[in-house]
Amino acid sequence: SLLTLSINDLQHIACYEGEDGFLSVQATGGVGAYQYAIDNGVFSPLSTFANLKSNEYRLSVIDQNACSATISEVLTQPEIIEISFTEIQPAFCADPRGSVKTAVQGGTGSYTYT
C-alpha cells in the first residue's frame, strides 16, 4: 500500500523564543520498518522530534524499499510579552506611597504581578 506520513502529536512553543516544541509523526503503508528525518537530517527509527523552536519543519519517512513520504508542519510561539507603564505617581520622602499602572500584551493566559 501507499506510504503515508501524518502528524501524531505536537506541542507548540510555550514562551517567546523557547525551544520546547515537539512533533511526533506516524507512518502507514509501505514495506517493513520505517526511518524518519526532520529537515533533511539523518534518518533514524525515532518518530518524535523534541526541543524544537518556532519554525516550519519538513518531516520525512522512508521504508525498506526506499519509498518516501514528506509532510510539513509549523510550530508557533506566543508573542513577546510587552509591559508599558501608565499613570506613574512617584514616591516622595514625605509621601512614600508611589504607584504605577501597567498594560501588558503578548504571552499566553493570564498575568501575575509582583
Protein backbone atom coordinates (compact mmCIF):
# COMPACT_ATOMS: atom_id res chain seq x y z
CA SER A 1 0.00 0.00 0.00
CA LEU A 2 0.99 3.63 -0.43
CA LEU A 3 3.41 5.00 2.19
CA THR A 4 1.90 7.99 4.02
CA LEU A 5 3.02 10.19 6.88
CA SER A 6 0.86 12.13 9.33
CA ILE A 7 1.29 14.20 12.50
CA ASN A 8 0.55 12.00 15.51
CA ASP A 9 1.08 14.68 18.19
CA LEU A 10 2.60 18.13 18.52
CA GLN A 11 3.33 20.82 21.08
CA HIS A 12 3.71 24.47 20.15
CA ILE A 13 6.35 26.57 21.90
CA ALA A 14 5.30 27.73 25.41
CA CYS A 15 7.25 31.01 25.62
CA TYR A 16 8.63 33.53 23.15
CA GLU A 17 11.93 32.24 21.66
CA GLY A 18 11.55 28.97 23.60
CA GLU A 19 12.75 25.62 22.32
CA ASP A 20 10.28 23.24 23.96
CA GLY A 21 8.16 22.25 20.99
CA PHE A 22 7.88 18.72 19.67
CA LEU A 23 6.49 16.84 16.71
CA SER A 24 5.56 13.18 16.61
CA VAL A 25 4.76 11.53 13.27
CA GLN A 26 3.20 8.23 12.26
CA ALA A 27 3.78 6.34 9.02
CA THR A 28 1.36 3.87 7.47
CA GLY A 29 1.60 1.67 4.39
CA GLY A 30 4.82 0.93 2.60
CA VAL A 31 7.01 -2.06 3.40
CA GLY A 32 8.85 -3.01 6.59
CA ALA A 33 10.44 -0.81 9.22
CA TYR A 34 10.31 2.95 8.88
CA GLN A 35 13.07 5.54 9.24
CA TYR A 36 12.25 9.20 9.98
CA ALA A 37 14.05 12.52 9.48
CA ILE A 38 13.39 16.19 10.07
CA ASP A 39 14.55 18.99 7.75
CA ASN A 40 16.59 16.65 5.54
CA GLY A 41 18.56 15.37 8.54
CA VAL A 42 19.82 11.86 9.23
CA PHE A 43 17.17 9.12 9.14
CA SER A 44 16.57 7.08 12.30
CA PRO A 45 13.81 4.83 13.70
CA LEU A 46 12.72 7.63 16.11
CA SER A 47 9.46 9.27 15.12
CA THR A 48 9.43 12.07 17.73
CA PHE A 49 11.47 15.25 17.41
CA ALA A 50 11.90 17.37 20.56
CA ASN A 51 13.44 20.66 21.69
CA LEU A 52 12.12 22.48 18.64
CA LYS A 53 11.72 26.24 18.28
CA SER A 54 9.09 28.16 16.33
CA ASN A 55 9.54 27.27 12.67
CA GLU A 56 8.19 25.30 9.73
CA TYR A 57 9.54 21.74 9.72
CA ARG A 58 9.76 19.23 6.90
CA LEU A 59 9.26 15.67 8.17
CA SER A 60 10.12 12.63 6.05
CA VAL A 61 9.81 8.85 6.24
CA ILE A 62 11.37 6.08 4.16
CA ASP A 63 10.53 2.37 4.19
CA GLN A 64 12.63 -0.72 3.41
CA ASN A 65 12.09 -0.22 -0.34
CA ALA A 66 13.37 3.38 -0.11
CA CYS A 67 9.90 4.73 -0.86
CA SER A 68 9.34 8.07 0.85
CA ALA A 69 6.66 10.45 2.05
CA THR A 70 7.05 14.01 3.33
CA ILE A 71 4.85 16.49 5.16
CA SER A 72 5.39 19.95 6.63
CA GLU A 73 4.18 21.35 9.94
CA VAL A 74 4.51 24.78 11.56
CA LEU A 75 5.17 25.20 15.27
CA THR A 76 4.19 28.60 16.63
CA GLN A 77 5.17 30.64 19.67
CA PRO A 78 3.35 33.29 21.69
CA GLU A 79 4.12 36.94 21.06
CA ILE A 80 6.78 38.57 23.21
CA ILE A 81 5.44 39.99 26.49
CA GLU A 82 5.42 43.78 26.42
CA ILE A 83 4.82 45.91 29.50
CA SER A 84 4.06 49.60 29.40
CA PHE A 85 3.68 51.83 32.43
CA THR A 86 0.92 54.41 32.64
CA GLU A 87 -0.25 56.84 35.30
CA ILE A 88 3.05 56.96 37.18
CA GLN A 89 2.85 58.61 40.60
CA PRO A 90 6.38 58.94 42.05
CA ALA A 91 7.11 58.39 45.72
CA PHE A 92 8.45 61.30 47.78
CA CYS A 93 10.18 61.42 51.13
CA ALA A 94 7.11 62.99 52.75
CA ASP A 95 4.77 60.51 50.98
CA PRO A 96 6.46 57.20 50.02
CA ARG A 97 3.28 55.73 48.52
CA GLY A 98 4.19 55.91 44.83
CA SER A 99 2.11 53.97 42.34
CA VAL A 100 2.02 52.90 38.73
CA LYS A 101 -0.50 51.26 36.43
CA THR A 102 0.63 48.79 33.81
CA ALA A 103 -0.63 47.50 30.49
CA VAL A 104 0.61 44.07 29.36
CA GLN A 105 0.39 42.43 25.93
CA GLY A 106 1.66 39.17 24.46
CA GLY A 107 2.37 35.84 26.07
CA THR A 108 -0.47 33.45 26.83
CA GLY A 109 -3.06 33.08 29.56
CA SER A 110 -3.46 35.44 32.49
CA TYR A 111 -0.73 37.56 34.05
CA THR A 112 0.55 37.62 37.63
CA TYR A 113 2.04 40.83 39.02
CA THR A 114 4.51 41.02 41.90
